C-alpha atoms as a PDB file:
ATOM      1  CA  MET A   1      12.739-123.382 -31.583  1.00  0.00           C
ATOM      2  CA  GLU A   2      14.361-123.081 -34.930  1.00  0.00           C
ATOM      3  CA  PHE A   3      17.749-121.759 -35.909  1.00  0.00           C
ATOM      4  CA  THR A   4      19.113-120.498 -39.238  1.00  0.00           C
ATOM      5  CA  THR A   5      22.160-122.523 -40.438  1.00  0.00           C
ATOM      6  CA  VAL A   6      24.377-121.258 -43.213  1.00  0.00           C
ATOM      7  CA  PHE A   7      26.450-123.776 -45.248  1.00  0.00           C
ATOM      8  CA  GLU A   8      29.314-122.936 -47.522  1.00  0.00           C
ATOM      9  CA  ARG A   9      31.249-125.116 -49.900  1.00  0.00           C
ATOM     10  CA  VAL A  10      35.017-124.941 -49.434  1.00  0.00           C
ATOM     11  CA  ASP A  11      37.931-126.942 -50.750  1.00  0.00           C
ATOM     12  CA  GLU A  12      37.912-129.361 -47.874  1.00  0.00           C
ATOM     13  CA  GLY A  13      34.207-129.963 -48.018  1.00  0.00           C
ATOM     14  CA  TYR A  14      31.587-127.828 -46.165  1.00  0.00           C
ATOM     15  CA  ILE A  15      31.554-125.400 -43.268  1.00  0.00           C
ATOM     16  CA  GLY A  16      28.469-124.296 -41.469  1.00  0.00           C
ATOM     17  CA  TRP A  17      27.354-121.929 -38.786  1.00  0.00           C
ATOM     18  CA  VAL A  18      24.237-120.868 -36.905  1.00  0.00           C
ATOM     19  CA  GLU A  19      23.327-117.190 -37.422  1.00  0.00           C
ATOM     20  CA  GLU A  20      21.484-116.846 -34.089  1.00  0.00           C
ATOM     21  CA  LEU A  21      24.049-118.784 -31.950  1.00  0.00           C
ATOM     22  CA  PRO A  22      27.586-117.396 -31.992  1.00  0.00           C
ATOM     23  CA  GLY A  23      30.089-120.220 -31.650  1.00  0.00           C
ATOM     24  CA  ALA A  24      27.929-122.862 -33.173  1.00  0.00           C
ATOM     25  CA  ASN A  25      30.233-123.810 -36.129  1.00  0.00           C
ATOM     26  CA  ALA A  26      31.009-126.983 -37.815  1.00  0.00           C
ATOM     27  CA  GLN A  27      32.764-128.565 -40.797  1.00  0.00           C
ATOM     28  CA  GLY A  28      32.503-131.799 -42.689  1.00  0.00           C
ATOM     29  CA  SER A  29      33.486-133.564 -45.859  1.00  0.00           C
ATOM     30  CA  THR A  30      29.867-133.773 -47.072  1.00  0.00           C
ATOM     31  CA  LEU A  31      26.831-131.637 -46.492  1.00  0.00           C
ATOM     32  CA  SER A  32      25.272-134.497 -44.575  1.00  0.00           C
ATOM     33  CA  GLU A  33      28.276-134.705 -42.325  1.00  0.00           C
ATOM     34  CA  VAL A  34      28.366-130.900 -41.551  1.00  0.00           C
ATOM     35  CA  ARG A  35      24.670-131.031 -40.845  1.00  0.00           C
ATOM     36  CA  GLU A  36      25.167-133.755 -38.196  1.00  0.00           C
ATOM     37  CA  ASN A  37      28.166-131.832 -36.789  1.00  0.00           C
ATOM     38  CA  ILE A  38      26.215-128.543 -36.574  1.00  0.00           C
ATOM     39  CA  LEU A  39      23.485-130.249 -34.533  1.00  0.00           C
ATOM     40  CA  GLU A  40      26.192-131.525 -32.109  1.00  0.00           C
ATOM     41  CA  ALA A  41      27.675-128.056 -31.907  1.00  0.00           C
ATOM     42  CA  ILE A  42      24.332-126.477 -31.041  1.00  0.00           C
ATOM     43  CA  GLN A  43      23.688-129.076 -28.387  1.00  0.00           C
ATOM     44  CA  MET A  44      27.140-128.630 -26.791  1.00  0.00           C
ATOM     45  CA  ILE A  45      26.797-124.820 -26.757  1.00  0.00           C
ATOM     46  CA  LEU A  46      23.386-124.921 -25.137  1.00  0.00           C
ATOM     47  CA  GLU A  47      24.576-127.453 -22.541  1.00  0.00           C
ATOM     48  CA  ALA A  48      27.679-125.542 -21.742  1.00  0.00           C
ATOM     49  CA  ASN A  49      25.708-122.281 -21.299  1.00  0.00           C
ATOM     50  CA  HIS A  50      23.150-124.003 -19.088  1.00  0.00           C
ATOM     51  CA  GLU A  51      25.917-125.514 -16.899  1.00  0.00           C
ATOM     52  CA  THR A  52      27.759-122.208 -16.649  1.00  0.00           C
ATOM     53  CA  LEU A  53      24.740-120.224 -15.753  1.00  0.00           C
ATOM     54  CA  GLY A  54      23.339-122.949 -13.461  1.00  0.00           C
ATOM     55  CA  ASP A  55      26.529-122.725 -11.288  1.00  0.00           C
ATOM     56  CA  SER A  56      26.016-119.076 -10.515  1.00  0.00           C
ATOM     57  CA  LEU A  57      25.065-118.483  -6.999  1.00  0.00           C
ATOM     58  CA  PRO A  58      21.405-117.384  -6.511  1.00  0.00           C
ATOM     59  CA  THR A  59      20.767-114.271  -4.389  1.00  0.00           C
ATOM     60  CA  GLU A  60      17.634-112.926  -2.849  1.00  0.00           C
ATOM     61  CA  PHE A  61      17.274-110.828  -6.064  1.00  0.00           C
ATOM     62  CA  THR A  62      17.490-113.835  -8.445  1.00  0.00           C
ATOM     63  CA  ILE A  63      14.535-115.073 -10.364  1.00  0.00           C
ATOM     64  CA  LYS A  64      14.882-118.080 -12.552  1.00  0.00           C
ATOM     65  CA  GLU A  65      12.201-119.341 -14.895  1.00  0.00           C
ATOM     66  CA  LYS A  66      11.760-121.218 -18.157  1.00  0.00           C
ATOM     67  CA  VAL A  67      10.691-119.413 -21.361  1.00  0.00           C
ATOM     68  CA  SER A  68       9.539-120.905 -24.615  1.00  0.00           C
ATOM     69  CA  LEU A  69       9.933-119.265 -27.965  1.00  0.00           C
ATOM     70  CA  ALA A  70       7.525-120.019 -30.850  1.00  0.00           C
ATOM     71  CA  THR A  71       8.816-119.151 -34.276  1.00  0.00           C
ATOM     72  CA  VAL A  72       6.765-117.920 -37.233  1.00  0.00           C
END
Protein backbone atom coordinates (compact mmCIF):
# COMPACT_ATOMS: atom_id res chain seq x y z
CA MET A 1 0.00 0.00 0.00
CA GLU A 2 1.26 3.45 -0.84
CA PHE A 3 0.19 6.85 0.42
CA THR A 4 0.68 10.32 -1.03
CA THR A 5 2.57 12.61 1.32
CA VAL A 6 2.68 16.36 0.78
CA PHE A 7 5.55 18.40 2.22
CA GLU A 8 5.61 22.16 2.58
CA ARG A 9 8.48 24.43 3.56
CA VAL A 10 7.60 26.78 6.43
CA ASP A 11 9.65 29.21 8.55
CA GLU A 12 10.29 26.55 11.22
CA GLY A 13 11.33 23.84 8.75
CA TYR A 14 8.85 21.50 7.05
CA ILE A 15 5.35 20.20 7.60
CA GLY A 16 3.88 17.16 5.98
CA TRP A 17 0.57 15.34 5.72
CA VAL A 18 -0.85 12.25 4.08
CA GLU A 19 -3.62 12.97 1.59
CA GLU A 20 -5.37 9.62 2.04
CA LEU A 21 -5.10 9.44 5.82
CA PRO A 22 -6.66 12.35 7.72
CA GLY A 23 -4.78 13.11 10.91
CA ALA A 24 -1.43 11.84 9.65
CA ASN A 25 0.50 15.09 10.01
CA ALA A 26 4.07 15.82 11.02
CA GLN A 27 6.66 18.54 11.24
CA GLY A 28 10.43 18.66 11.35
CA SER A 29 13.43 20.94 11.07
CA THR A 30 14.61 19.16 7.93
CA LEU A 31 12.88 17.29 5.14
CA SER A 32 14.54 14.10 6.34
CA GLU A 33 13.19 14.62 9.85
CA VAL A 34 9.62 15.29 8.70
CA ARG A 35 9.77 12.16 6.51
CA GLU A 36 10.70 10.07 9.55
CA ASN A 37 8.00 11.75 11.63
CA ILE A 38 5.30 11.20 9.00
CA LEU A 39 6.06 7.46 8.94
CA GLU A 40 5.64 7.39 12.71
CA ALA A 41 2.35 9.31 12.42
CA ILE A 42 1.03 6.83 9.84
CA GLN A 43 1.97 3.89 12.05
CA MET A 44 0.38 5.46 15.13
CA ILE A 45 -2.91 6.20 13.33
CA LEU A 46 -3.16 2.72 11.83
CA GLU A 47 -2.41 1.10 15.20
CA ALA A 48 -4.89 3.33 17.03
CA ASN A 49 -7.62 2.60 14.49
CA HIS A 50 -6.93 -1.11 14.73
CA GLU A 51 -7.10 -1.05 18.53
CA THR A 52 -10.27 1.05 18.56
CA LEU A 53 -12.10 -1.09 16.05
CA GLY A 54 -10.71 -4.31 17.52
CA ASP A 55 -12.33 -3.47 20.85
CA SER A 56 -15.82 -3.31 19.39
CA LEU A 57 -17.97 -6.21 20.45
CA PRO A 58 -18.75 -8.68 17.68
CA THR A 59 -22.35 -9.66 17.10
CA GLU A 60 -23.91 -12.47 15.16
CA PHE A 61 -24.07 -10.02 12.23
CA THR A 62 -20.37 -9.11 12.34
CA ILE A 63 -17.99 -10.32 9.66
CA LYS A 64 -14.32 -9.47 10.01
CA GLU A 65 -11.76 -10.20 7.30
CA LYS A 66 -8.48 -8.85 5.99
CA VAL A 67 -8.25 -7.04 2.67
CA SER A 68 -5.20 -6.09 0.60
CA LEU A 69 -4.98 -3.14 -1.72
CA ALA A 70 -2.62 -3.14 -4.67
CA THR A 71 -1.78 0.27 -6.07
CA VAL A 72 -1.10 1.08 -9.68
